[in-house]
N, C-alpha and C. Protein backbone atom coordinates (compact mmCIF):
# COMPACT_ATOMS: atom_id res chain seq x y z
N MET A 1 45.22 -20.38 -7.72
CA MET A 1 44.49 -20.29 -6.47
C MET A 1 43.70 -18.98 -6.39
N ARG A 2 44.38 -17.86 -6.70
CA ARG A 2 43.69 -16.56 -6.64
C ARG A 2 42.59 -16.47 -7.68
N SER A 3 42.82 -17.04 -8.85
CA SER A 3 41.79 -16.98 -9.89
C SER A 3 40.56 -17.80 -9.49
N GLU A 4 40.79 -18.91 -8.77
CA GLU A 4 39.66 -19.71 -8.28
C GLU A 4 38.85 -18.93 -7.25
N ILE A 5 39.53 -18.21 -6.38
CA ILE A 5 38.84 -17.40 -5.37
C ILE A 5 38.01 -16.31 -6.06
N ARG A 6 38.58 -15.69 -7.07
CA ARG A 6 37.86 -14.64 -7.80
C ARG A 6 36.61 -15.20 -8.47
N VAL A 7 36.73 -16.40 -9.02
CA VAL A 7 35.58 -17.04 -9.67
C VAL A 7 34.49 -17.31 -8.63
N TRP A 8 34.87 -17.83 -7.47
CA TRP A 8 33.89 -18.10 -6.41
C TRP A 8 33.25 -16.82 -5.89
N VAL A 9 34.04 -15.79 -5.72
CA VAL A 9 33.49 -14.51 -5.27
C VAL A 9 32.51 -13.96 -6.31
N ALA A 10 32.86 -14.07 -7.57
CA ALA A 10 31.98 -13.60 -8.64
C ALA A 10 30.68 -14.40 -8.67
N LEU A 11 30.79 -15.71 -8.50
CA LEU A 11 29.59 -16.56 -8.48
C LEU A 11 28.70 -16.23 -7.28
N LEU A 12 29.30 -16.05 -6.13
CA LEU A 12 28.52 -15.69 -4.94
C LEU A 12 27.82 -14.34 -5.11
N ALA A 13 28.52 -13.39 -5.69
CA ALA A 13 27.92 -12.07 -5.93
C ALA A 13 26.76 -12.18 -6.91
N LEU A 14 26.93 -12.97 -7.95
CA LEU A 14 25.87 -13.17 -8.93
C LEU A 14 24.66 -13.84 -8.29
N MET A 15 24.89 -14.84 -7.46
CA MET A 15 23.80 -15.53 -6.77
C MET A 15 23.07 -14.57 -5.83
N ALA A 16 23.80 -13.71 -5.15
CA ALA A 16 23.18 -12.74 -4.25
C ALA A 16 22.28 -11.78 -5.02
N VAL A 17 22.75 -11.32 -6.16
CA VAL A 17 21.95 -10.41 -7.00
C VAL A 17 20.67 -11.10 -7.47
N ILE A 18 20.80 -12.34 -7.90
CA ILE A 18 19.63 -13.09 -8.37
C ILE A 18 18.63 -13.29 -7.24
N LEU A 19 19.11 -13.68 -6.07
CA LEU A 19 18.21 -13.90 -4.94
C LEU A 19 17.53 -12.61 -4.50
N LEU A 20 18.26 -11.52 -4.44
CA LEU A 20 17.67 -10.25 -4.03
C LEU A 20 16.64 -9.75 -5.04
N SER A 21 16.89 -9.95 -6.31
CA SER A 21 15.92 -9.50 -7.31
C SER A 21 14.66 -10.36 -7.28
N ALA A 22 14.78 -11.61 -6.88
CA ALA A 22 13.61 -12.48 -6.77
C ALA A 22 12.75 -12.10 -5.57
N VAL A 23 13.36 -11.57 -4.51
CA VAL A 23 12.64 -11.22 -3.29
C VAL A 23 11.92 -9.89 -3.43
N GLN A 24 12.49 -8.93 -4.14
CA GLN A 24 11.91 -7.60 -4.29
C GLN A 24 10.68 -7.67 -5.18
N PRO A 25 9.56 -7.03 -4.77
CA PRO A 25 8.39 -7.01 -5.64
C PRO A 25 8.64 -6.14 -6.87
N SER A 26 8.10 -6.56 -7.99
CA SER A 26 8.25 -5.76 -9.20
C SER A 26 7.31 -4.56 -9.14
N ASP A 27 7.49 -3.61 -10.03
CA ASP A 27 6.60 -2.45 -10.08
C ASP A 27 5.16 -2.89 -10.32
N ALA A 28 4.97 -3.87 -11.19
CA ALA A 28 3.62 -4.35 -11.49
C ALA A 28 2.98 -4.97 -10.25
N GLU A 29 3.75 -5.74 -9.49
CA GLU A 29 3.21 -6.34 -8.27
C GLU A 29 2.85 -5.26 -7.25
N TYR A 30 3.69 -4.25 -7.11
CA TYR A 30 3.39 -3.17 -6.16
C TYR A 30 2.14 -2.42 -6.60
N LYS A 31 2.06 -2.10 -7.89
CA LYS A 31 0.91 -1.36 -8.37
C LYS A 31 -0.37 -2.17 -8.21
N SER A 32 -0.31 -3.49 -8.40
CA SER A 32 -1.51 -4.30 -8.25
C SER A 32 -1.92 -4.42 -6.79
N SER A 33 -0.98 -4.30 -5.87
CA SER A 33 -1.33 -4.39 -4.45
C SER A 33 -1.76 -3.04 -3.89
N HIS A 34 -1.52 -1.99 -4.63
CA HIS A 34 -1.84 -0.65 -4.15
C HIS A 34 -2.33 0.17 -5.34
N SER A 35 -3.52 -0.19 -5.83
CA SER A 35 -3.98 0.50 -7.03
C SER A 35 -5.32 1.17 -6.81
N THR A 36 -5.45 2.31 -7.41
CA THR A 36 -6.71 3.04 -7.42
C THR A 36 -6.99 3.42 -8.86
N GLN A 37 -8.13 3.01 -9.36
CA GLN A 37 -8.47 3.32 -10.74
C GLN A 37 -9.78 4.09 -10.77
N MET A 38 -9.82 5.14 -11.57
CA MET A 38 -11.04 5.92 -11.71
C MET A 38 -11.80 5.43 -12.94
N THR A 39 -13.11 5.26 -12.80
CA THR A 39 -13.94 4.87 -13.93
C THR A 39 -14.57 6.12 -14.53
N ARG A 40 -15.27 5.97 -15.63
CA ARG A 40 -15.85 7.13 -16.31
C ARG A 40 -16.88 7.86 -15.46
N ASN A 41 -17.58 7.15 -14.60
CA ASN A 41 -18.61 7.81 -13.80
C ASN A 41 -18.05 8.40 -12.51
N LYS A 42 -16.74 8.58 -12.47
CA LYS A 42 -16.04 9.22 -11.35
C LYS A 42 -16.05 8.41 -10.05
N LYS A 43 -16.52 7.18 -10.09
CA LYS A 43 -16.44 6.33 -8.90
C LYS A 43 -15.12 5.59 -8.95
N SER A 44 -14.48 5.46 -7.82
CA SER A 44 -13.19 4.77 -7.81
C SER A 44 -13.37 3.30 -7.47
N THR A 45 -12.52 2.50 -8.05
CA THR A 45 -12.46 1.09 -7.69
C THR A 45 -11.07 0.84 -7.16
N CYS A 46 -11.00 0.32 -5.98
CA CYS A 46 -9.70 0.11 -5.34
C CYS A 46 -9.48 -1.37 -5.09
N ASP A 47 -8.27 -1.80 -5.32
CA ASP A 47 -7.90 -3.18 -5.02
C ASP A 47 -6.81 -3.14 -3.97
N CYS A 48 -7.20 -3.30 -2.73
CA CYS A 48 -6.25 -3.23 -1.61
C CYS A 48 -6.09 -4.59 -0.93
N ARG A 49 -6.40 -5.66 -1.67
CA ARG A 49 -6.36 -6.99 -1.06
C ARG A 49 -5.00 -7.35 -0.49
N TYR A 50 -3.94 -6.90 -1.13
CA TYR A 50 -2.60 -7.31 -0.71
C TYR A 50 -1.86 -6.24 0.06
N ALA A 51 -2.54 -5.16 0.38
CA ALA A 51 -1.90 -4.08 1.14
C ALA A 51 -1.79 -4.49 2.61
N ALA A 52 -0.62 -4.31 3.17
CA ALA A 52 -0.39 -4.67 4.57
C ALA A 52 -1.16 -3.74 5.50
N ASP A 53 -1.65 -4.28 6.60
CA ASP A 53 -2.35 -3.47 7.59
C ASP A 53 -1.35 -2.59 8.33
N SER A 54 -1.62 -1.31 8.29
CA SER A 54 -0.83 -0.32 9.00
C SER A 54 -1.76 0.88 9.21
N PRO A 55 -2.59 0.82 10.27
CA PRO A 55 -3.65 1.81 10.46
C PRO A 55 -3.12 3.24 10.50
N LEU A 56 -3.95 4.15 9.98
CA LEU A 56 -3.61 5.57 10.05
C LEU A 56 -4.89 6.37 10.27
N CYS A 57 -4.72 7.48 10.94
CA CYS A 57 -5.84 8.37 11.28
C CYS A 57 -5.88 9.51 10.27
N ALA A 58 -7.04 9.72 9.67
CA ALA A 58 -7.20 10.77 8.67
C ALA A 58 -7.87 12.01 9.27
N SER A 59 -7.82 13.09 8.52
CA SER A 59 -8.35 14.37 9.00
C SER A 59 -9.87 14.36 9.18
N ASN A 60 -10.57 13.37 8.62
CA ASN A 60 -12.01 13.25 8.83
C ASN A 60 -12.35 12.43 10.07
N GLY A 61 -11.33 12.04 10.83
CA GLY A 61 -11.54 11.28 12.07
C GLY A 61 -11.73 9.80 11.86
N VAL A 62 -11.53 9.33 10.64
CA VAL A 62 -11.70 7.92 10.31
C VAL A 62 -10.36 7.21 10.34
N THR A 63 -10.34 6.01 10.93
CA THR A 63 -9.14 5.17 10.91
C THR A 63 -9.20 4.29 9.68
N TYR A 64 -8.21 4.43 8.81
CA TYR A 64 -8.11 3.59 7.61
C TYR A 64 -7.11 2.48 7.90
N PRO A 65 -7.41 1.25 7.45
CA PRO A 65 -6.54 0.12 7.79
C PRO A 65 -5.15 0.19 7.17
N ASN A 66 -5.00 0.94 6.06
CA ASN A 66 -3.70 1.05 5.40
C ASN A 66 -3.72 2.24 4.44
N MET A 67 -2.57 2.55 3.89
CA MET A 67 -2.44 3.70 2.99
C MET A 67 -3.24 3.51 1.71
N CYS A 68 -3.38 2.29 1.26
CA CYS A 68 -4.15 2.02 0.05
C CYS A 68 -5.60 2.46 0.24
N ARG A 69 -6.22 2.05 1.35
CA ARG A 69 -7.60 2.45 1.64
C ARG A 69 -7.72 3.96 1.79
N PHE A 70 -6.72 4.57 2.39
CA PHE A 70 -6.71 6.03 2.53
C PHE A 70 -6.67 6.69 1.16
N ASP A 71 -5.80 6.20 0.27
CA ASP A 71 -5.70 6.75 -1.08
C ASP A 71 -7.01 6.61 -1.83
N CYS A 72 -7.72 5.51 -1.62
CA CYS A 72 -9.02 5.32 -2.25
C CYS A 72 -10.01 6.37 -1.76
N ALA A 73 -10.02 6.61 -0.46
CA ALA A 73 -10.91 7.62 0.11
C ALA A 73 -10.55 9.01 -0.40
N LYS A 74 -9.27 9.23 -0.59
CA LYS A 74 -8.81 10.55 -1.03
C LYS A 74 -9.28 10.87 -2.45
N THR A 75 -9.60 9.87 -3.24
CA THR A 75 -10.13 10.14 -4.58
C THR A 75 -11.52 10.76 -4.49
N ARG A 76 -12.21 10.52 -3.38
CA ARG A 76 -13.55 11.09 -3.18
C ARG A 76 -13.53 12.35 -2.33
N VAL A 77 -12.59 12.43 -1.40
CA VAL A 77 -12.49 13.58 -0.49
C VAL A 77 -11.12 14.22 -0.73
N LYS A 78 -11.08 15.22 -1.57
CA LYS A 78 -9.81 15.80 -2.04
C LYS A 78 -8.95 16.38 -0.92
N ARG A 79 -9.54 16.97 0.08
CA ARG A 79 -8.76 17.63 1.13
C ARG A 79 -8.37 16.69 2.27
N LEU A 80 -8.61 15.42 2.10
CA LEU A 80 -8.29 14.44 3.13
C LEU A 80 -6.78 14.35 3.30
N ARG A 81 -6.33 14.27 4.54
CA ARG A 81 -4.90 14.14 4.81
C ARG A 81 -4.69 13.22 6.00
N VAL A 82 -3.50 12.69 6.12
CA VAL A 82 -3.14 11.82 7.24
C VAL A 82 -2.80 12.71 8.43
N VAL A 83 -3.43 12.41 9.58
CA VAL A 83 -3.17 13.17 10.80
C VAL A 83 -2.08 12.48 11.62
N SER A 84 -2.18 11.14 11.73
CA SER A 84 -1.18 10.40 12.50
C SER A 84 -1.23 8.93 12.11
N SER A 85 -0.17 8.21 12.46
CA SER A 85 -0.19 6.77 12.26
C SER A 85 -0.93 6.17 13.46
N GLY A 86 -1.50 5.00 13.26
CA GLY A 86 -2.29 4.37 14.32
C GLY A 86 -3.75 4.74 14.19
N THR A 87 -4.53 4.32 15.16
CA THR A 87 -5.97 4.53 15.09
C THR A 87 -6.39 5.90 15.60
N CYS A 88 -7.52 6.37 15.09
CA CYS A 88 -8.12 7.61 15.57
C CYS A 88 -8.91 7.30 16.84
N LYS A 89 -9.18 8.31 17.60
CA LYS A 89 -10.02 8.11 18.78
C LYS A 89 -11.49 8.10 18.40
N GLY A 90 -11.79 8.48 17.16
CA GLY A 90 -13.17 8.56 16.68
C GLY A 90 -13.65 7.26 16.09
N LYS A 91 -14.11 7.35 14.87
CA LYS A 91 -14.77 6.23 14.23
C LYS A 91 -13.84 5.42 13.33
N SER A 92 -14.22 4.17 13.13
CA SER A 92 -13.48 3.31 12.21
C SER A 92 -14.03 3.48 10.81
N LEU A 93 -13.38 2.90 9.83
CA LEU A 93 -13.84 2.97 8.45
C LEU A 93 -15.22 2.33 8.33
N ASN A 94 -15.47 1.23 9.03
CA ASN A 94 -16.79 0.58 8.98
C ASN A 94 -17.87 1.48 9.56
N ASP A 95 -17.59 2.18 10.66
CA ASP A 95 -18.56 3.13 11.23
C ASP A 95 -18.87 4.22 10.22
N TYR A 96 -17.85 4.73 9.58
CA TYR A 96 -18.01 5.79 8.59
C TYR A 96 -18.90 5.32 7.44
N ARG A 97 -18.68 4.10 6.96
CA ARG A 97 -19.49 3.56 5.86
C ARG A 97 -20.94 3.39 6.28
N ARG A 98 -21.18 2.90 7.51
CA ARG A 98 -22.56 2.75 7.99
C ARG A 98 -23.27 4.09 8.02
N ASN A 99 -22.60 5.12 8.49
CA ASN A 99 -23.21 6.45 8.55
C ASN A 99 -23.47 7.01 7.15
N GLN A 100 -22.61 6.70 6.20
CA GLN A 100 -22.81 7.17 4.82
C GLN A 100 -24.05 6.52 4.21
N LYS A 101 -24.29 5.25 4.52
CA LYS A 101 -25.46 4.54 3.98
C LYS A 101 -26.75 5.08 4.57
N LYS A 102 -26.71 5.49 5.85
CA LYS A 102 -27.91 6.03 6.51
C LYS A 102 -28.31 7.37 5.92
N GLY A 103 -27.30 8.19 5.61
CA GLY A 103 -27.57 9.57 5.17
C GLY A 103 -27.68 9.67 3.73
C-alpha cells in the first residue's frame, strides 16, 4: 500500500514538473520576444511583436509601450532612463516619431 502511494506521488511530481516546464518560456522564446540587434550601420532593428504592453515613462518625456521598445530607443539615446511606470504627461512614442521626421 505504501509503495503504491509513493509511486503515485512520484508520478504526480513528475507530471507537475513536465507541465511547469511546458508553460515556462524558453530562453530562445524570451530573447525572440525581446530582442534588439545592431546592424553594421549602427541602426538598430527591434522585434517587439510579442512584448506585453506595460507603458513606461522615459527621461526624454516619451511614453514607451513596453520595456522592449524602451531598450530599442536606448540603443540610440545612451543616457535614456526610465522615470516611472505608466504614461508620461508629455508625448507618446508616435508623437516623438512624427517630430523626428519633421526635423
